[in-house]
Amino acid sequence: MPNSYETNKNPFATQLRAMGEPAVDVQRLTPSDSADTNPYCKALRVFVPASTEEATVRVTPMLAADDANTVTLRFPSGVSHEPLAIRRLWSTGTSAGIEIHGYTA
């Protein structure tokens, strides 16, 4: 499918986006113990199926001093939004069977 995005229709195309502004793009994330998200994400959307009472998501915050500084977040079943900017979504420590999207830009 061709790309139908047209810069001239976007009045914000030449403006820098601040972290506190709404995201303008989203990507499905695949957990990895060795690769950072590309690009880094400004927030997360996590879907945990009803068959799962609680899920965990292990991340490295964007400004963490090193990769060893991780945070394990817990989410109930349903859809949750986490306004934490991250640079890595870890496979180890992240529950299987959940969907995670990263908001970018």
C-alpha atoms as a PDB file:
ATOM      1  CA  MET A   1       0.000   0.000   0.000  1.00  0.00           C
ATOM      2  CA  PRO A   2       1.471   3.390  -0.914  1.00  0.00           C
ATOM      3  CA  ASN A   3       2.153   5.993   1.747  1.00  0.00           C
ATOM      4  CA  SER A   4      -0.620   8.607   1.554  1.00  0.00           C
ATOM      5  CA  TYR A   5       0.855  10.927   4.198  1.00  0.00           C
ATOM      6  CA  GLU A   6       1.257  14.458   2.851  1.00  0.00           C
ATOM      7  CA  THR A   7       3.474  16.891   4.753  1.00  0.00           C
ATOM      8  CA  ASN A   8       1.605  19.903   3.339  1.00  0.00           C
ATOM      9  CA  LYS A   9      -1.598  18.735   5.095  1.00  0.00           C
ATOM     10  CA  ASN A  10       0.094  18.612   8.497  1.00  0.00           C
ATOM     11  CA  PRO A  11       0.303  22.111  10.016  1.00  0.00           C
ATOM     12  CA  PHE A  12       2.669  20.768  12.686  1.00  0.00           C
ATOM     13  CA  ALA A  13       5.162  19.055  10.352  1.00  0.00           C
ATOM     14  CA  THR A  14       7.914  21.622  10.897  1.00  0.00           C
ATOM     15  CA  GLN A  15       7.451  21.977  14.643  1.00  0.00           C
ATOM     16  CA  LEU A  16       9.420  20.057  17.234  1.00  0.00           C
ATOM     17  CA  ARG A  17       7.308  17.788  19.429  1.00  0.00           C
ATOM     18  CA  ALA A  18       7.637  18.072  23.187  1.00  0.00           C
ATOM     19  CA  MET A  19       7.440  15.048  25.496  1.00  0.00           C
ATOM     20  CA  GLY A  20       4.240  16.338  27.111  1.00  0.00           C
ATOM     21  CA  GLU A  21       2.353  16.665  23.831  1.00  0.00           C
ATOM     22  CA  PRO A  22       0.053  13.934  22.545  1.00  0.00           C
ATOM     23  CA  ALA A  23       1.738  11.264  20.457  1.00  0.00           C
ATOM     24  CA  VAL A  24       1.257  11.309  16.704  1.00  0.00           C
ATOM     25  CA  ASP A  25       2.377   7.753  16.010  1.00  0.00           C
ATOM     26  CA  VAL A  26       2.193   4.333  17.641  1.00  0.00           C
ATOM     27  CA  GLN A  27       3.972   1.039  17.092  1.00  0.00           C
ATOM     28  CA  ARG A  28       3.433  -2.486  18.349  1.00  0.00           C
ATOM     29  CA  LEU A  29       6.356  -3.453  20.572  1.00  0.00           C
ATOM     30  CA  THR A  30       8.143  -6.781  20.724  1.00  0.00           C
ATOM     31  CA  PRO A  31       9.945  -7.413  24.009  1.00  0.00           C
ATOM     32  CA  SER A  32      13.716  -7.942  23.727  1.00  0.00           C
ATOM     33  CA  ASP A  33      16.490  -8.432  26.265  1.00  0.00           C
ATOM     34  CA  SER A  34      19.082  -7.050  23.837  1.00  0.00           C
ATOM     35  CA  ALA A  35      17.512  -4.320  21.682  1.00  0.00           C
ATOM     36  CA  ASP A  36      16.045  -0.941  22.535  1.00  0.00           C
ATOM     37  CA  THR A  37      12.795   0.252  20.984  1.00  0.00           C
ATOM     38  CA  ASN A  38      13.332   2.259  17.819  1.00  0.00           C
ATOM     39  CA  PRO A  39      12.384   4.995  18.274  1.00  0.00           C
ATOM     40  CA  TYR A  40      12.178   5.326  22.047  1.00  0.00           C
ATOM     41  CA  CYS A  41       8.581   5.557  23.288  1.00  0.00           C
ATOM     42  CA  LYS A  42       7.033   8.427  25.225  1.00  0.00           C
ATOM     43  CA  ALA A  43       4.236   6.286  26.709  1.00  0.00           C
ATOM     44  CA  LEU A  44       2.782   2.782  26.616  1.00  0.00           C
ATOM     45  CA  ARG A  45      -0.592   1.213  25.906  1.00  0.00           C
ATOM     46  CA  VAL A  46      -0.925  -2.244  27.464  1.00  0.00           C
ATOM     47  CA  PHE A  47      -3.742  -4.708  26.744  1.00  0.00           C
ATOM     48  CA  VAL A  48      -4.105  -7.589  29.193  1.00  0.00           C
ATOM     49  CA  PRO A  49      -6.773 -10.156  28.217  1.00  0.00           C
ATOM     50  CA  ALA A  50      -9.632 -10.847  30.627  1.00  0.00           C
ATOM     51  CA  SER A  51      -8.298 -14.378  31.104  1.00  0.00           C
ATOM     52  CA  THR A  52      -5.240 -12.888  32.819  1.00  0.00           C
ATOM     53  CA  GLU A  53      -5.811 -11.280  36.224  1.00  0.00           C
ATOM     54  CA  GLU A  54      -2.552  -9.304  36.259  1.00  0.00           C
ATOM     55  CA  ALA A  55       0.416  -8.923  33.914  1.00  0.00           C
ATOM     56  CA  THR A  56       3.907  -7.542  34.400  1.00  0.00           C
ATOM     57  CA  VAL A  57       5.896  -5.375  32.017  1.00  0.00           C
ATOM     58  CA  ARG A  58       9.624  -4.837  32.628  1.00  0.00           C
ATOM     59  CA  VAL A  59      11.115  -1.689  31.085  1.00  0.00           C
ATOM     60  CA  THR A  60      14.179   0.511  31.133  1.00  0.00           C
ATOM     61  CA  PRO A  61      13.066   4.145  31.531  1.00  0.00           C
ATOM     62  CA  MET A  62      14.371   6.460  28.821  1.00  0.00           C
ATOM     63  CA  LEU A  63      16.714   8.394  31.124  1.00  0.00           C
ATOM     64  CA  ALA A  64      17.903   5.470  33.280  1.00  0.00           C
ATOM     65  CA  ALA A  65      21.624   5.622  34.074  1.00  0.00           C
ATOM     66  CA  ASP A  66      22.177   2.175  32.537  1.00  0.00           C
ATOM     67  CA  ASP A  67      20.260  -0.891  31.331  1.00  0.00           C
ATOM     68  CA  ALA A  68      20.393  -2.489  34.799  1.00  0.00           C
ATOM     69  CA  ASN A  69      18.022   0.211  36.075  1.00  0.00           C
ATOM     70  CA  THR A  70      14.745  -1.482  35.211  1.00  0.00           C
ATOM     71  CA  VAL A  71      11.216  -1.071  36.488  1.00  0.00           C
ATOM     72  CA  THR A  72       8.590  -3.805  36.604  1.00  0.00           C
ATOM     73  CA  LEU A  73       5.104  -2.410  36.111  1.00  0.00           C
ATOM     74  CA  ARG A  74       1.930  -4.343  36.963  1.00  0.00           C
ATOM     75  CA  PHE A  75      -1.279  -4.059  34.955  1.00  0.00           C
ATOM     76  CA  PRO A  76      -4.768  -5.485  35.603  1.00  0.00           C
ATOM     77  CA  SER A  77      -6.790  -7.077  32.819  1.00  0.00           C
ATOM     78  CA  GLY A  78      -8.121  -4.562  30.298  1.00  0.00           C
ATOM     79  CA  VAL A  79      -6.465  -1.622  28.574  1.00  0.00           C
ATOM     80  CA  SER A  80      -4.045   0.597  30.493  1.00  0.00           C
ATOM     81  CA  HIS A  81      -1.987   3.619  29.536  1.00  0.00           C
ATOM     82  CA  GLU A  82       1.369   4.221  31.203  1.00  0.00           C
ATOM     83  CA  PRO A  83       2.849   7.719  30.716  1.00  0.00           C
ATOM     84  CA  LEU A  84       6.425   6.508  31.265  1.00  0.00           C
ATOM     85  CA  ALA A  85       8.966   7.150  28.500  1.00  0.00           C
ATOM     86  CA  ILE A  86      11.021   4.014  27.864  1.00  0.00           C
ATOM     87  CA  ARG A  87      13.989   2.901  25.815  1.00  0.00           C
ATOM     88  CA  ARG A  88      13.689  -0.882  26.290  1.00  0.00           C
ATOM     89  CA  LEU A  89      10.854  -3.342  26.798  1.00  0.00           C
ATOM     90  CA  TRP A  90      12.358  -6.492  28.296  1.00  0.00           C
ATOM     91  CA  SER A  91      11.336 -10.015  27.346  1.00  0.00           C
ATOM     92  CA  THR A  92      12.500 -11.322  30.730  1.00  0.00           C
ATOM     93  CA  GLY A  93      10.011 -10.093  33.302  1.00  0.00           C
ATOM     94  CA  THR A  94       7.270  -9.227  30.796  1.00  0.00           C
ATOM     95  CA  SER A  95       4.208 -11.465  30.807  1.00  0.00           C
ATOM     96  CA  ALA A  96       3.436 -13.455  27.676  1.00  0.00           C
ATOM     97  CA  GLY A  97       0.096 -13.102  25.898  1.00  0.00           C
ATOM     98  CA  ILE A  98      -0.328  -9.349  26.287  1.00  0.00           C
ATOM     99  CA  GLU A  99      -0.229  -6.594  23.643  1.00  0.00           C
ATOM    100  CA  ILE A 100       2.026  -3.589  24.160  1.00  0.00           C
ATOM    101  CA  HIS A 101       2.111  -0.513  21.953  1.00  0.00           C
ATOM    102  CA  GLY A 102       4.510   2.401  22.253  1.00  0.00           C
ATOM    103  CA  TYR A 103       3.411   5.971  21.591  1.00  0.00           C
ATOM    104  CA  THR A 104       6.063   7.916  19.718  1.00  0.00           C
ATOM    105  CA  ALA A 105       6.773  11.364  18.279  1.00  0.00           C
END
